[in-house]
Amino acid sequence: MDKRHALVTGASSGIGAAIVERLLRDGWRVTGISRRPVTFDHPAFDHLSLDLNDVDSIAGAVAGLAPTALVHAAGQLKVAPLGSLDHGDGAAMWRLHVDVAARLADALAPRLPQGGRIVFIGSRTASGATGRGQYAATKAALVAMARSWASELAPRGITVNVVAPAATETPMLNDPTRATVAPKLPPIGRFIRPDEVAAAVAFLLSPDAAAITGQQLVICGGSSL
């Protein structure tokens, strides 16, 4: 891939913004997708204003793009214990995490070049977490899709992986709607930093990771031990 061009969702804040910053620093051209305006002072950055909740608009919005990598980092977290589930919240998380990922991959995979890359931002909770069942289910679905598509795309040298962090220092961490389910501090004594997640994504997009596909890379600071 001579001209590296990544399409990154959730570019306005948190992990998505950290990924954009890292890739620009590494010499990538980046198109960032978000609802809110984004300004990265870099000539290789373009912003695509798009509400990903309007899933029917996605294919048309990216029709003119032919990136070499897709990174789906947009996300939201709504928590509730069984017996008090908000099914609207569950549907919204499924739409943003799973349906959007599927629509973006379906639209862009046919145009990805030999050696292209797809990375989804998942979560350590994909293996299950108290009070986060609906959220965890959407992140587990990303792993299943990544493994399935990794098999389909391997003959073209295209890799598909998931980067799954534990609680990360983003605005989502302090969202008051999750007050009933507080984030757990990892054994390393601090939360994961967005730049650490971005570094893992950058590695998976690199030529050095060409043989890694269909995997979930968990960045948990010891939380899974």
C-alpha atoms as a PDB file:
ATOM      1  CA  MET A   1       0.000   0.000   0.000  1.00  0.00           C
ATOM      2  CA  ASP A   2       1.785   3.116  -1.210  1.00  0.00           C
ATOM      3  CA  LYS A   3      -0.834   5.641  -0.173  1.00  0.00           C
ATOM      4  CA  ARG A   4      -2.106   4.932   3.317  1.00  0.00           C
ATOM      5  CA  HIS A   5      -5.571   6.345   3.890  1.00  0.00           C
ATOM      6  CA  ALA A   6      -7.600   5.471   6.985  1.00  0.00           C
ATOM      7  CA  LEU A   7     -11.289   6.105   7.567  1.00  0.00           C
ATOM      8  CA  VAL A   8     -11.824   6.544  11.318  1.00  0.00           C
ATOM      9  CA  THR A   9     -15.234   6.846  12.995  1.00  0.00           C
ATOM     10  CA  GLY A  10     -15.766   8.613  16.303  1.00  0.00           C
ATOM     11  CA  ALA A  11     -13.059  11.090  15.384  1.00  0.00           C
ATOM     12  CA  SER A  12     -14.298  13.966  17.532  1.00  0.00           C
ATOM     13  CA  SER A  13     -13.208  12.673  20.944  1.00  0.00           C
ATOM     14  CA  GLY A  14     -11.837   9.882  23.070  1.00  0.00           C
ATOM     15  CA  ILE A  15     -10.275   6.841  21.448  1.00  0.00           C
ATOM     16  CA  GLY A  16     -11.291   7.885  17.942  1.00  0.00           C
ATOM     17  CA  ALA A  17      -9.536  11.240  18.262  1.00  0.00           C
ATOM     18  CA  ALA A  18      -6.430   9.562  19.687  1.00  0.00           C
ATOM     19  CA  ILE A  19      -6.345   7.187  16.718  1.00  0.00           C
ATOM     20  CA  VAL A  20      -6.619  10.071  14.271  1.00  0.00           C
ATOM     21  CA  GLU A  21      -3.768  11.905  15.985  1.00  0.00           C
ATOM     22  CA  ARG A  22      -1.551   8.819  16.021  1.00  0.00           C
ATOM     23  CA  LEU A  23      -2.139   7.955  12.368  1.00  0.00           C
ATOM     24  CA  LEU A  24      -1.510  11.519  11.232  1.00  0.00           C
ATOM     25  CA  ARG A  25       1.737  11.484  13.179  1.00  0.00           C
ATOM     26  CA  ASP A  26       2.654   8.217  11.452  1.00  0.00           C
ATOM     27  CA  GLY A  27       2.148   9.732   8.011  1.00  0.00           C
ATOM     28  CA  TRP A  28      -1.318   8.482   7.163  1.00  0.00           C
ATOM     29  CA  ARG A  29      -3.972  10.436   5.346  1.00  0.00           C
ATOM     30  CA  VAL A  30      -7.061  10.304   7.580  1.00  0.00           C
ATOM     31  CA  THR A  31     -10.747  10.900   6.970  1.00  0.00           C
ATOM     32  CA  GLY A  32     -12.532  11.278  10.293  1.00  0.00           C
ATOM     33  CA  ILE A  33     -16.253  10.652  10.686  1.00  0.00           C
ATOM     34  CA  SER A  34     -18.284  12.293  13.442  1.00  0.00           C
ATOM     35  CA  ARG A  35     -21.435  14.285  14.014  1.00  0.00           C
ATOM     36  CA  ARG A  36     -19.616  17.110  15.767  1.00  0.00           C
ATOM     37  CA  PRO A  37     -17.175  19.343  13.885  1.00  0.00           C
ATOM     38  CA  VAL A  38     -13.568  18.249  14.147  1.00  0.00           C
ATOM     39  CA  THR A  39     -10.467  20.265  13.422  1.00  0.00           C
ATOM     40  CA  PHE A  40      -7.068  18.621  13.355  1.00  0.00           C
ATOM     41  CA  ASP A  41      -4.433  21.109  12.290  1.00  0.00           C
ATOM     42  CA  HIS A  42      -2.963  18.805   9.686  1.00  0.00           C
ATOM     43  CA  PRO A  43      -3.059  18.935   5.875  1.00  0.00           C
ATOM     44  CA  ALA A  44      -3.659  15.174   5.644  1.00  0.00           C
ATOM     45  CA  PHE A  45      -6.914  15.283   7.621  1.00  0.00           C
ATOM     46  CA  ASP A  46     -10.415  15.523   6.157  1.00  0.00           C
ATOM     47  CA  HIS A  47     -13.658  15.530   8.121  1.00  0.00           C
ATOM     48  CA  LEU A  48     -16.827  13.791   6.992  1.00  0.00           C
ATOM     49  CA  SER A  49     -19.836  15.036   8.943  1.00  0.00           C
ATOM     50  CA  LEU A  50     -22.152  12.076   9.344  1.00  0.00           C
ATOM     51  CA  ASP A  51     -24.650  10.878  11.936  1.00  0.00           C
ATOM     52  CA  LEU A  52     -23.929   7.162  12.048  1.00  0.00           C
ATOM     53  CA  ASN A  53     -27.285   6.532  13.704  1.00  0.00           C
ATOM     54  CA  ASP A  54     -28.785   7.288  10.292  1.00  0.00           C
ATOM     55  CA  VAL A  55     -27.606   3.927   9.030  1.00  0.00           C
ATOM     56  CA  ASP A  56     -29.331   4.225   5.659  1.00  0.00           C
ATOM     57  CA  SER A  57     -27.093   7.176   4.773  1.00  0.00           C
ATOM     58  CA  ILE A  58     -23.793   5.398   5.406  1.00  0.00           C
ATOM     59  CA  ALA A  59     -23.256   3.639   2.077  1.00  0.00           C
ATOM     60  CA  GLY A  60     -23.944   6.806   0.118  1.00  0.00           C
ATOM     61  CA  ALA A  61     -21.763   8.949   2.374  1.00  0.00           C
ATOM     62  CA  VAL A  62     -18.690   6.762   1.838  1.00  0.00           C
ATOM     63  CA  ALA A  63     -19.387   5.910  -1.810  1.00  0.00           C
ATOM     64  CA  GLY A  64     -16.659   8.253  -3.042  1.00  0.00           C
ATOM     65  CA  LEU A  65     -14.006   6.991  -0.646  1.00  0.00           C
ATOM     66  CA  ALA A  66     -11.477   4.237  -1.259  1.00  0.00           C
ATOM     67  CA  PRO A  67      -9.417   4.012   1.937  1.00  0.00           C
ATOM     68  CA  THR A  68      -6.753   1.422   2.618  1.00  0.00           C
ATOM     69  CA  ALA A  69      -7.963   0.968   6.206  1.00  0.00           C
ATOM     70  CA  LEU A  70     -11.212   1.196   8.166  1.00  0.00           C
ATOM     71  CA  VAL A  71     -11.202   1.854  11.920  1.00  0.00           C
ATOM     72  CA  HIS A  72     -14.606   1.854  13.629  1.00  0.00           C
ATOM     73  CA  ALA A  73     -14.107   3.573  16.978  1.00  0.00           C
ATOM     74  CA  ALA A  74     -17.465   5.307  17.493  1.00  0.00           C
ATOM     75  CA  GLY A  75     -19.305   3.970  20.507  1.00  0.00           C
ATOM     76  CA  GLN A  76     -21.578   4.561  23.443  1.00  0.00           C
ATOM     77  CA  LEU A  77     -22.127   2.853  26.783  1.00  0.00           C
ATOM     78  CA  LYS A  78     -25.469   2.452  28.519  1.00  0.00           C
ATOM     79  CA  VAL A  79     -25.657   0.291  31.616  1.00  0.00           C
ATOM     80  CA  ALA A  80     -28.500  -1.391  33.499  1.00  0.00           C
ATOM     81  CA  PRO A  81     -28.968  -4.584  35.528  1.00  0.00           C
ATOM     82  CA  LEU A  82     -31.186  -7.389  34.321  1.00  0.00           C
ATOM     83  CA  GLY A  83     -34.758  -6.554  35.262  1.00  0.00           C
ATOM     84  CA  SER A  84     -34.250  -2.867  34.499  1.00  0.00           C
ATOM     85  CA  LEU A  85     -33.002  -3.002  30.927  1.00  0.00           C
ATOM     86  CA  ASP A  86     -33.769  -0.137  28.586  1.00  0.00           C
ATOM     87  CA  HIS A  87     -34.407  -1.884  25.284  1.00  0.00           C
ATOM     88  CA  GLY A  88     -34.114   1.378  23.392  1.00  0.00           C
ATOM     89  CA  ASP A  89     -30.597   1.803  24.746  1.00  0.00           C
ATOM     90  CA  GLY A  90     -29.783  -1.760  23.780  1.00  0.00           C
ATOM     91  CA  ALA A  91     -31.017  -1.216  20.242  1.00  0.00           C
ATOM     92  CA  ALA A  92     -29.047   2.040  19.954  1.00  0.00           C
ATOM     93  CA  MET A  93     -25.806   0.367  21.034  1.00  0.00           C
ATOM     94  CA  TRP A  94     -26.388  -2.530  18.643  1.00  0.00           C
ATOM     95  CA  ARG A  95     -27.030  -0.093  15.817  1.00  0.00           C
ATOM     96  CA  LEU A  96     -23.895   1.970  16.456  1.00  0.00           C
ATOM     97  CA  HIS A  97     -21.476  -0.809  17.331  1.00  0.00           C
ATOM     98  CA  VAL A  98     -22.638  -3.685  15.139  1.00  0.00           C
ATOM     99  CA  ASP A  99     -24.923  -2.456  12.359  1.00  0.00           C
ATOM    100  CA  VAL A 100     -22.694   0.514  11.537  1.00  0.00           C
ATOM    101  CA  ALA A 101     -19.608  -1.721  11.509  1.00  0.00           C
ATOM    102  CA  ALA A 102     -21.362  -4.110   9.149  1.00  0.00           C
ATOM    103  CA  ARG A 103     -22.535  -1.374   6.820  1.00  0.00           C
ATOM    104  CA  LEU A 104     -19.135   0.303   6.656  1.00  0.00           C
ATOM    105  CA  ALA A 105     -17.323  -2.972   6.052  1.00  0.00           C
ATOM    106  CA  ASP A 106     -19.878  -4.055   3.461  1.00  0.00           C
ATOM    107  CA  ALA A 107     -19.481  -0.784   1.573  1.00  0.00           C
ATOM    108  CA  LEU A 108     -15.705  -0.485   1.811  1.00  0.00           C
ATOM    109  CA  ALA A 109     -14.304  -4.023   1.803  1.00  0.00           C
ATOM    110  CA  PRO A 110     -14.802  -4.494  -1.940  1.00  0.00           C
ATOM    111  CA  ARG A 111     -12.694  -1.368  -2.507  1.00  0.00           C
ATOM    112  CA  LEU A 112      -9.936  -2.140  -0.019  1.00  0.00           C
ATOM    113  CA  PRO A 113      -6.634  -2.900  -1.748  1.00  0.00           C
ATOM    114  CA  GLN A 114      -4.504  -5.986  -1.330  1.00  0.00           C
ATOM    115  CA  GLY A 115      -3.107  -5.753   2.188  1.00  0.00           C
ATOM    116  CA  GLY A 116      -5.904  -3.507   3.461  1.00  0.00           C
ATOM    117  CA  ARG A 117      -6.916  -3.345   7.102  1.00  0.00           C
ATOM    118  CA  ILE A 118     -10.093  -3.327   9.200  1.00  0.00           C
ATOM    119  CA  VAL A 119      -9.982  -2.687  12.958  1.00  0.00           C
ATOM    120  CA  PHE A 120     -12.959  -2.477  15.306  1.00  0.00           C
ATOM    121  CA  ILE A 121     -12.747  -0.987  18.783  1.00  0.00           C
ATOM    122  CA  GLY A 122     -14.306  -3.544  21.076  1.00  0.00           C
ATOM    123  CA  SER A 123     -14.189  -3.921  24.838  1.00  0.00           C
ATOM    124  CA  ARG A 124     -12.817  -6.245  27.468  1.00  0.00           C
ATOM    125  CA  THR A 125     -16.428  -6.653  28.586  1.00  0.00           C
ATOM    126  CA  ALA A 126     -17.138  -8.732  25.469  1.00  0.00           C
ATOM    127  CA  SER A 127     -16.569 -11.770  27.696  1.00  0.00           C
ATOM    128  CA  GLY A 128     -19.309 -10.553  30.053  1.00  0.00           C
ATOM    129  CA  ALA A 129     -19.620  -7.909  32.760  1.00  0.00           C
ATOM    130  CA  THR A 130     -22.107  -7.314  35.562  1.00  0.00           C
ATOM    131  CA  GLY A 131     -24.633  -4.619  34.679  1.00  0.00           C
ATOM    132  CA  ARG A 132     -23.295  -4.258  31.141  1.00  0.00           C
ATOM    133  CA  GLY A 133     -24.987  -7.165  29.397  1.00  0.00           C
ATOM    134  CA  GLN A 134     -26.404  -5.267  26.426  1.00  0.00           C
ATOM    135  CA  TYR A 135     -23.150  -3.394  25.831  1.00  0.00           C
ATOM    136  CA  ALA A 136     -21.091  -6.554  26.211  1.00  0.00           C
ATOM    137  CA  ALA A 137     -23.272  -8.360  23.680  1.00  0.00           C
ATOM    138  CA  THR A 138     -22.591  -5.745  21.014  1.00  0.00           C
ATOM    139  CA  LYS A 139     -18.850  -5.933  21.593  1.00  0.00           C
ATOM    140  CA  ALA A 140     -18.909  -9.726  21.491  1.00  0.00           C
ATOM    141  CA  ALA A 141     -20.693  -9.494  18.146  1.00  0.00           C
ATOM    142  CA  LEU A 142     -17.778  -7.442  16.787  1.00  0.00           C
ATOM    143  CA  VAL A 143     -15.415 -10.308  17.569  1.00  0.00           C
ATOM    144  CA  ALA A 144     -17.631 -12.794  15.742  1.00  0.00           C
ATOM    145  CA  MET A 145     -17.888 -10.527  12.714  1.00  0.00           C
ATOM    146  CA  ALA A 146     -14.151  -9.845  12.688  1.00  0.00           C
ATOM    147  CA  ARG A 147     -13.324 -13.556  12.739  1.00  0.00           C
ATOM    148  CA  SER A 148     -15.846 -14.295   9.997  1.00  0.00           C
ATOM    149  CA  TRP A 149     -14.665 -11.492   7.722  1.00  0.00           C
ATOM    150  CA  ALA A 150     -11.017 -12.224   8.435  1.00  0.00           C
ATOM    151  CA  SER A 151     -11.581 -15.651   6.899  1.00  0.00           C
ATOM    152  CA  GLU A 152     -13.348 -14.160   3.884  1.00  0.00           C
ATOM    153  CA  LEU A 153     -10.728 -11.483   3.229  1.00  0.00           C
ATOM    154  CA  ALA A 154      -7.543 -13.425   3.987  1.00  0.00           C
ATOM    155  CA  PRO A 155      -6.998 -14.399   0.326  1.00  0.00           C
ATOM    156  CA  ARG A 156      -6.666 -10.682  -0.447  1.00  0.00           C
ATOM    157  CA  GLY A 157      -4.197 -10.099   2.372  1.00  0.00           C
ATOM    158  CA  ILE A 158      -6.763  -7.962   4.221  1.00  0.00           C
ATOM    159  CA  THR A 159      -6.746  -8.350   7.996  1.00  0.00           C
ATOM    160  CA  VAL A 160      -9.684  -7.824  10.346  1.00  0.00           C
ATOM    161  CA  ASN A 161      -9.072  -7.453  14.084  1.00  0.00           C
ATOM    162  CA  VAL A 162     -10.578  -6.065  17.284  1.00  0.00           C
ATOM    163  CA  VAL A 163      -8.781  -3.915  19.847  1.00  0.00           C
ATOM    164  CA  ALA A 164     -10.567  -4.355  23.164  1.00  0.00           C
ATOM    165  CA  PRO A 165      -9.616  -1.977  25.977  1.00  0.00           C
ATOM    166  CA  ALA A 166     -10.720  -2.033  29.579  1.00  0.00           C
ATOM    167  CA  ALA A 167     -11.965   1.206  31.173  1.00  0.00           C
ATOM    168  CA  THR A 168     -10.277   4.012  29.268  1.00  0.00           C
ATOM    169  CA  GLU A 169      -9.805   7.680  30.149  1.00  0.00           C
ATOM    170  CA  THR A 170     -12.454   9.151  27.841  1.00  0.00           C
ATOM    171  CA  PRO A 171     -15.607  11.238  28.369  1.00  0.00           C
ATOM    172  CA  MET A 172     -17.529   7.952  28.434  1.00  0.00           C
ATOM    173  CA  LEU A 173     -15.727   7.001  31.650  1.00  0.00           C
ATOM    174  CA  ASN A 174     -17.389   9.871  33.525  1.00  0.00           C
ATOM    175  CA  ASP A 175     -20.808   9.589  31.920  1.00  0.00           C
ATOM    176  CA  PRO A 176     -23.350  10.139  34.750  1.00  0.00           C
ATOM    177  CA  THR A 177     -25.698   7.578  33.192  1.00  0.00           C
ATOM    178  CA  ARG A 178     -23.305   4.821  34.293  1.00  0.00           C
ATOM    179  CA  ALA A 179     -23.264   5.923  37.937  1.00  0.00           C
ATOM    180  CA  THR A 180     -24.850   2.659  39.067  1.00  0.00           C
ATOM    181  CA  VAL A 181     -22.035   0.628  37.492  1.00  0.00           C
ATOM    182  CA  ALA A 182     -18.738   2.311  38.324  1.00  0.00           C
ATOM    183  CA  PRO A 183     -15.677   1.534  36.175  1.00  0.00           C
ATOM    184  CA  LYS A 184     -13.165  -0.812  37.791  1.00  0.00           C
ATOM    185  CA  LEU A 185      -9.610   0.407  38.204  1.00  0.00           C
ATOM    186  CA  PRO A 186      -7.211  -2.071  36.548  1.00  0.00           C
ATOM    187  CA  PRO A 187      -4.535  -3.747  38.697  1.00  0.00           C
ATOM    188  CA  ILE A 188      -1.870  -1.470  37.194  1.00  0.00           C
ATOM    189  CA  GLY A 189      -3.441   1.292  39.306  1.00  0.00           C
ATOM    190  CA  ARG A 190      -4.753   3.518  36.541  1.00  0.00           C
ATOM    191  CA  PHE A 191      -7.176   3.482  33.642  1.00  0.00           C
ATOM    192  CA  ILE A 192      -6.100   2.761  30.080  1.00  0.00           C
ATOM    193  CA  ARG A 193      -5.026   5.834  28.106  1.00  0.00           C
ATOM    194  CA  PRO A 194      -6.529   6.546  24.654  1.00  0.00           C
ATOM    195  CA  ASP A 195      -3.049   6.860  23.162  1.00  0.00           C
ATOM    196  CA  GLU A 196      -2.284   3.291  24.284  1.00  0.00           C
ATOM    197  CA  VAL A 197      -5.316   2.029  22.383  1.00  0.00           C
ATOM    198  CA  ALA A 198      -4.283   4.134  19.384  1.00  0.00           C
ATOM    199  CA  ALA A 199      -0.801   2.599  19.466  1.00  0.00           C
ATOM    200  CA  ALA A 200      -2.285  -0.886  19.257  1.00  0.00           C
ATOM    201  CA  VAL A 201      -4.459   0.151  16.336  1.00  0.00           C
ATOM    202  CA  ALA A 202      -1.461   1.683  14.563  1.00  0.00           C
ATOM    203  CA  PHE A 203       0.431  -1.590  14.956  1.00  0.00           C
ATOM    204  CA  LEU A 204      -2.434  -3.648  13.523  1.00  0.00           C
ATOM    205  CA  LEU A 205      -2.569  -1.284  10.542  1.00  0.00           C
ATOM    206  CA  SER A 206       1.158  -1.650   9.919  1.00  0.00           C
ATOM    207  CA  PRO A 207       2.947  -4.087   7.586  1.00  0.00           C
ATOM    208  CA  ASP A 208       4.419  -5.779  10.670  1.00  0.00           C
ATOM    209  CA  ALA A 209       0.924  -7.063  11.551  1.00  0.00           C
ATOM    210  CA  ALA A 210       0.171  -8.601   8.155  1.00  0.00           C
ATOM    211  CA  ALA A 211      -0.056 -12.110   9.638  1.00  0.00           C
ATOM    212  CA  ILE A 212      -2.398 -11.125  12.490  1.00  0.00           C
ATOM    213  CA  THR A 213      -6.071 -11.470  11.588  1.00  0.00           C
ATOM    214  CA  GLY A 214      -9.315 -12.535  13.222  1.00  0.00           C
ATOM    215  CA  GLN A 215      -7.942 -11.687  16.670  1.00  0.00           C
ATOM    216  CA  GLN A 216      -9.057  -9.670  19.672  1.00  0.00           C
ATOM    217  CA  LEU A 217      -6.229  -7.724  21.310  1.00  0.00           C
ATOM    218  CA  VAL A 218      -7.221  -7.014  24.915  1.00  0.00           C
ATOM    219  CA  ILE A 219      -5.636  -3.967  26.591  1.00  0.00           C
ATOM    220  CA  CYS A 220      -6.773  -4.305  30.167  1.00  0.00           C
ATOM    221  CA  GLY A 221      -3.960  -3.337  32.527  1.00  0.00           C
ATOM    222  CA  GLY A 222      -4.289  -6.698  34.220  1.00  0.00           C
ATOM    223  CA  SER A 223      -8.079  -6.599  34.615  1.00  0.00           C
ATOM    224  CA  SER A 224      -8.429  -9.982  32.937  1.00  0.00           C
ATOM    225  CA  LEU A 225      -5.959 -11.712  35.255  1.00  0.00           C
END
